[in-house]
Amino acid sequence: MKRMRRCVCCRAYTLEKEHCGRETASPHPPKFTAEDPYAQYRRKGRWSGL
């Protein structure tokens, strides 16, 4: 089964691994776990620009 992917160049959604000659990325967030060892770093990186 293919999953939705997003082109990092033009931000278009696709099912392919490549679009616009570049590799695509997964637009889905990582799964949540209560024991996430990197949660503090992820929160710090996301909200540090505010």
PDB file of N, CA and C in Angstrom:
ATOM      1  N   MET A   1       0.830  -1.172   0.000  1.00  0.00           N
ATOM      2  CA  MET A   1       0.000   0.000   0.000  1.00  0.00           C
ATOM      3  C   MET A   1       0.885   1.249   0.000  1.00  0.00           C
ATOM      4  N   LYS A   2       0.583   2.187  -0.878  1.00  0.00           N
ATOM      5  CA  LYS A   2       1.346   3.424  -0.954  1.00  0.00           C
ATOM      6  C   LYS A   2       0.774   4.448   0.015  1.00  0.00           C
ATOM      7  N   ARG A   3       1.643   5.281   0.543  1.00  0.00           N
ATOM      8  CA  ARG A   3       1.222   6.338   1.453  1.00  0.00           C
ATOM      9  C   ARG A   3       1.395   7.687   0.779  1.00  0.00           C
ATOM     10  N   MET A   4       0.637   8.649   1.212  1.00  0.00           N
ATOM     11  CA  MET A   4       0.711   9.996   0.684  1.00  0.00           C
ATOM     12  C   MET A   4       2.085  10.583   0.983  1.00  0.00           C
ATOM     13  N   ARG A   5       2.647  11.301   0.015  1.00  0.00           N
ATOM     14  CA  ARG A   5       3.938  11.940   0.175  1.00  0.00           C
ATOM     15  C   ARG A   5       3.823  13.374  -0.324  1.00  0.00           C
ATOM     16  N   ARG A   6       4.771  14.234   0.047  1.00  0.00           N
ATOM     17  CA  ARG A   6       4.726  15.631  -0.359  1.00  0.00           C
ATOM     18  C   ARG A   6       6.067  16.038  -0.957  1.00  0.00           C
ATOM     19  N   CYS A   7       6.004  16.726  -2.088  1.00  0.00           N
ATOM     20  CA  CYS A   7       7.205  17.214  -2.766  1.00  0.00           C
ATOM     21  C   CYS A   7       7.778  18.378  -1.965  1.00  0.00           C
ATOM     22  N   VAL A   8       9.088  18.346  -1.698  1.00  0.00           N
ATOM     23  CA  VAL A   8       9.715  19.419  -0.930  1.00  0.00           C
ATOM     24  C   VAL A   8       9.974  20.645  -1.805  1.00  0.00           C
ATOM     25  N   CYS A   9       9.946  20.478  -3.106  1.00  0.00           N
ATOM     26  CA  CYS A   9      10.207  21.573  -4.034  1.00  0.00           C
ATOM     27  C   CYS A   9       8.954  22.413  -4.286  1.00  0.00           C
ATOM     28  N   CYS A  10       7.878  21.779  -4.762  1.00  0.00           N
ATOM     29  CA  CYS A  10       6.670  22.525  -5.139  1.00  0.00           C
ATOM     30  C   CYS A  10       5.505  22.314  -4.172  1.00  0.00           C
ATOM     31  N   ARG A  11       5.688  21.516  -3.129  1.00  0.00           N
ATOM     32  CA  ARG A  11       4.692  21.236  -2.088  1.00  0.00           C
ATOM     33  C   ARG A  11       3.442  20.521  -2.602  1.00  0.00           C
ATOM     34  N   ALA A  12       3.562  19.822  -3.708  1.00  0.00           N
ATOM     35  CA  ALA A  12       2.442  19.051  -4.257  1.00  0.00           C
ATOM     36  C   ALA A  12       2.390  17.689  -3.573  1.00  0.00           C
ATOM     37  N   TYR A  13       1.188  17.152  -3.404  1.00  0.00           N
ATOM     38  CA  TYR A  13       1.012  15.831  -2.820  1.00  0.00           C
ATOM     39  C   TYR A  13       1.046  14.784  -3.923  1.00  0.00           C
ATOM     40  N   THR A  14       1.667  13.641  -3.650  1.00  0.00           N
ATOM     41  CA  THR A  14       1.809  12.581  -4.636  1.00  0.00           C
ATOM     42  C   THR A  14       1.948  11.242  -3.922  1.00  0.00           C
ATOM     43  N   LEU A  15       1.902  10.168  -4.686  1.00  0.00           N
ATOM     44  CA  LEU A  15       2.144   8.835  -4.141  1.00  0.00           C
ATOM     45  C   LEU A  15       3.513   8.308  -4.541  1.00  0.00           C
ATOM     46  N   GLU A  16       4.222   9.055  -5.361  1.00  0.00           N
ATOM     47  CA  GLU A  16       5.526   8.625  -5.874  1.00  0.00           C
ATOM     48  C   GLU A  16       6.661   9.012  -4.923  1.00  0.00           C
ATOM     49  N   LYS A  17       7.800   8.332  -5.054  1.00  0.00           N
ATOM     50  CA  LYS A  17       8.967   8.631  -4.235  1.00  0.00           C
ATOM     51  C   LYS A  17       9.718   9.848  -4.746  1.00  0.00           C
ATOM     52  N   GLU A  18       9.529  10.193  -6.032  1.00  0.00           N
ATOM     53  CA  GLU A  18      10.178  11.367  -6.615  1.00  0.00           C
ATOM     54  C   GLU A  18       9.151  12.225  -7.328  1.00  0.00           C
ATOM     55  N   HIS A  19       9.353  13.540  -7.251  1.00  0.00           N
ATOM     56  CA  HIS A  19       8.495  14.501  -7.941  1.00  0.00           C
ATOM     57  C   HIS A  19       9.360  15.721  -8.211  1.00  0.00           C
ATOM     58  N   CYS A  20       9.249  16.318  -9.379  1.00  0.00           N
ATOM     59  CA  CYS A  20      10.070  17.479  -9.778  1.00  0.00           C
ATOM     60  C   CYS A  20      11.563  17.136  -9.782  1.00  0.00           C
ATOM     61  N   GLY A  21      11.890  15.879  -9.949  1.00  0.00           N
ATOM     62  CA  GLY A  21      13.295  15.472  -9.952  1.00  0.00           C
ATOM     63  C   GLY A  21      13.924  15.397  -8.573  1.00  0.00           C
ATOM     64  N   ARG A  22      13.130  15.540  -7.531  1.00  0.00           N
ATOM     65  CA  ARG A  22      13.642  15.471  -6.156  1.00  0.00           C
ATOM     66  C   ARG A  22      12.888  14.414  -5.377  1.00  0.00           C
ATOM     67  N   GLU A  23      13.475  13.977  -4.289  1.00  0.00           N
ATOM     68  CA  GLU A  23      12.838  12.998  -3.418  1.00  0.00           C
ATOM     69  C   GLU A  23      11.706  13.659  -2.637  1.00  0.00           C
ATOM     70  N   THR A  24      10.643  12.924  -2.386  1.00  0.00           N
ATOM     71  CA  THR A  24       9.514  13.445  -1.620  1.00  0.00           C
ATOM     72  C   THR A  24       9.647  13.047  -0.152  1.00  0.00           C
ATOM     73  N   ALA A  25       8.897  13.720   0.702  1.00  0.00           N
ATOM     74  CA  ALA A  25       8.927  13.456   2.141  1.00  0.00           C
ATOM     75  C   ALA A  25       7.534  13.096   2.626  1.00  0.00           C
ATOM     76  N   SER A  26       7.474  12.444   3.741  1.00  0.00           N
ATOM     77  CA  SER A  26       6.190  12.069   4.324  1.00  0.00           C
ATOM     78  C   SER A  26       5.592  13.269   5.060  1.00  0.00           C
ATOM     79  N   PRO A  27       4.328  13.633   4.779  1.00  0.00           N
ATOM     80  CA  PRO A  27       3.710  14.759   5.482  1.00  0.00           C
ATOM     81  C   PRO A  27       3.091  14.359   6.821  1.00  0.00           C
ATOM     82  N   HIS A  28       3.135  13.075   7.161  1.00  0.00           N
ATOM     83  CA  HIS A  28       2.514  12.584   8.391  1.00  0.00           C
ATOM     84  C   HIS A  28       3.439  12.811   9.579  1.00  0.00           C
ATOM     85  N   PRO A  29       2.903  13.244  10.719  1.00  0.00           N
ATOM     86  CA  PRO A  29       3.730  13.417  11.913  1.00  0.00           C
ATOM     87  C   PRO A  29       4.135  12.054  12.479  1.00  0.00           C
ATOM     88  N   PRO A  30       5.208  12.004  13.259  1.00  0.00           N
ATOM     89  CA  PRO A  30       5.592  10.737  13.874  1.00  0.00           C
ATOM     90  C   PRO A  30       4.547  10.276  14.886  1.00  0.00           C
ATOM     91  N   LYS A  31       4.513   8.988  15.157  1.00  0.00           N
ATOM     92  CA  LYS A  31       3.567   8.448  16.128  1.00  0.00           C
ATOM     93  C   LYS A  31       3.890   8.967  17.520  1.00  0.00           C
ATOM     94  N   PHE A  32       2.855   9.214  18.307  1.00  0.00           N
ATOM     95  CA  PHE A  32       3.017   9.729  19.663  1.00  0.00           C
ATOM     96  C   PHE A  32       3.280   8.585  20.633  1.00  0.00           C
ATOM     97  N   THR A  33       4.246   8.782  21.515  1.00  0.00           N
ATOM     98  CA  THR A  33       4.473   7.866  22.628  1.00  0.00           C
ATOM     99  C   THR A  33       4.722   8.711  23.878  1.00  0.00           C
ATOM    100  N   ALA A  34       4.258   8.249  24.999  1.00  0.00           N
ATOM    101  CA  ALA A  34       4.446   8.975  26.254  1.00  0.00           C
ATOM    102  C   ALA A  34       5.905   8.978  26.690  1.00  0.00           C
ATOM    103  N   GLU A  35       6.654   7.956  26.304  1.00  0.00           N
ATOM    104  CA  GLU A  35       8.062   7.843  26.686  1.00  0.00           C
ATOM    105  C   GLU A  35       8.978   8.309  25.563  1.00  0.00           C
ATOM    106  N   ASP A  36       8.608   9.360  24.844  1.00  0.00           N
ATOM    107  CA  ASP A  36       9.415   9.858  23.734  1.00  0.00           C
ATOM    108  C   ASP A  36      10.694  10.493  24.274  1.00  0.00           C
ATOM    109  N   PRO A  37      11.868   9.912  24.001  1.00  0.00           N
ATOM    110  CA  PRO A  37      13.097  10.450  24.564  1.00  0.00           C
ATOM    111  C   PRO A  37      13.544  11.766  23.916  1.00  0.00           C
ATOM    112  N   TYR A  38      13.005  12.117  22.753  1.00  0.00           N
ATOM    113  CA  TYR A  38      13.417  13.328  22.051  1.00  0.00           C
ATOM    114  C   TYR A  38      12.346  14.413  22.051  1.00  0.00           C
ATOM    115  N   ALA A  39      11.295  14.271  22.832  1.00  0.00           N
ATOM    116  CA  ALA A  39      10.186  15.220  22.838  1.00  0.00           C
ATOM    117  C   ALA A  39      10.639  16.619  23.240  1.00  0.00           C
ATOM    118  N   GLN A  40      11.494  16.738  24.228  1.00  0.00           N
ATOM    119  CA  GLN A  40      11.925  18.060  24.674  1.00  0.00           C
ATOM    120  C   GLN A  40      12.698  18.779  23.586  1.00  0.00           C
ATOM    121  N   TYR A  41      13.488  18.064  22.798  1.00  0.00           N
ATOM    122  CA  TYR A  41      14.246  18.678  21.717  1.00  0.00           C
ATOM    123  C   TYR A  41      13.326  19.076  20.558  1.00  0.00           C
ATOM    124  N   ARG A  42      12.325  18.256  20.283  1.00  0.00           N
ATOM    125  CA  ARG A  42      11.386  18.552  19.206  1.00  0.00           C
ATOM    126  C   ARG A  42      10.563  19.801  19.547  1.00  0.00           C
ATOM    127  N   ARG A  43      10.095  19.907  20.784  1.00  0.00           N
ATOM    128  CA  ARG A  43       9.331  21.081  21.206  1.00  0.00           C
ATOM    129  C   ARG A  43      10.203  22.331  21.190  1.00  0.00           C
ATOM    130  N   LYS A  44      11.426  22.220  21.643  1.00  0.00           N
ATOM    131  CA  LYS A  44      12.333  23.359  21.681  1.00  0.00           C
ATOM    132  C   LYS A  44      12.637  23.850  20.271  1.00  0.00           C
ATOM    133  N   GLY A  45      12.829  22.952  19.331  1.00  0.00           N
ATOM    134  CA  GLY A  45      13.127  23.338  17.958  1.00  0.00           C
ATOM    135  C   GLY A  45      11.930  23.941  17.259  1.00  0.00           C
ATOM    136  N   ARG A  46      10.747  23.441  17.520  1.00  0.00           N
ATOM    137  CA  ARG A  46       9.560  23.951  16.850  1.00  0.00           C
ATOM    138  C   ARG A  46       9.152  25.331  17.340  1.00  0.00           C
ATOM    139  N   TRP A  47       9.215  25.577  18.628  1.00  0.00           N
ATOM    140  CA  TRP A  47       8.702  26.831  19.182  1.00  0.00           C
ATOM    141  C   TRP A  47       9.802  27.858  19.449  1.00  0.00           C
ATOM    142  N   SER A  48      11.035  27.578  19.111  1.00  0.00           N
ATOM    143  CA  SER A  48      12.107  28.516  19.411  1.00  0.00           C
ATOM    144  C   SER A  48      12.048  29.787  18.546  1.00  0.00           C
ATOM    145  N   GLY A  49      11.358  29.720  17.389  1.00  0.00           N
ATOM    146  CA  GLY A  49      11.264  30.872  16.506  1.00  0.00           C
ATOM    147  C   GLY A  49      10.193  31.869  16.891  1.00  0.00           C
ATOM    148  N   LEU A  50       9.388  31.569  17.909  1.00  0.00           N
ATOM    149  CA  LEU A  50       8.310  32.485  18.297  1.00  0.00           C
ATOM    150  C   LEU A  50       8.798  33.583  19.203  1.00  0.00           C
TER     151      LEU A  50
END
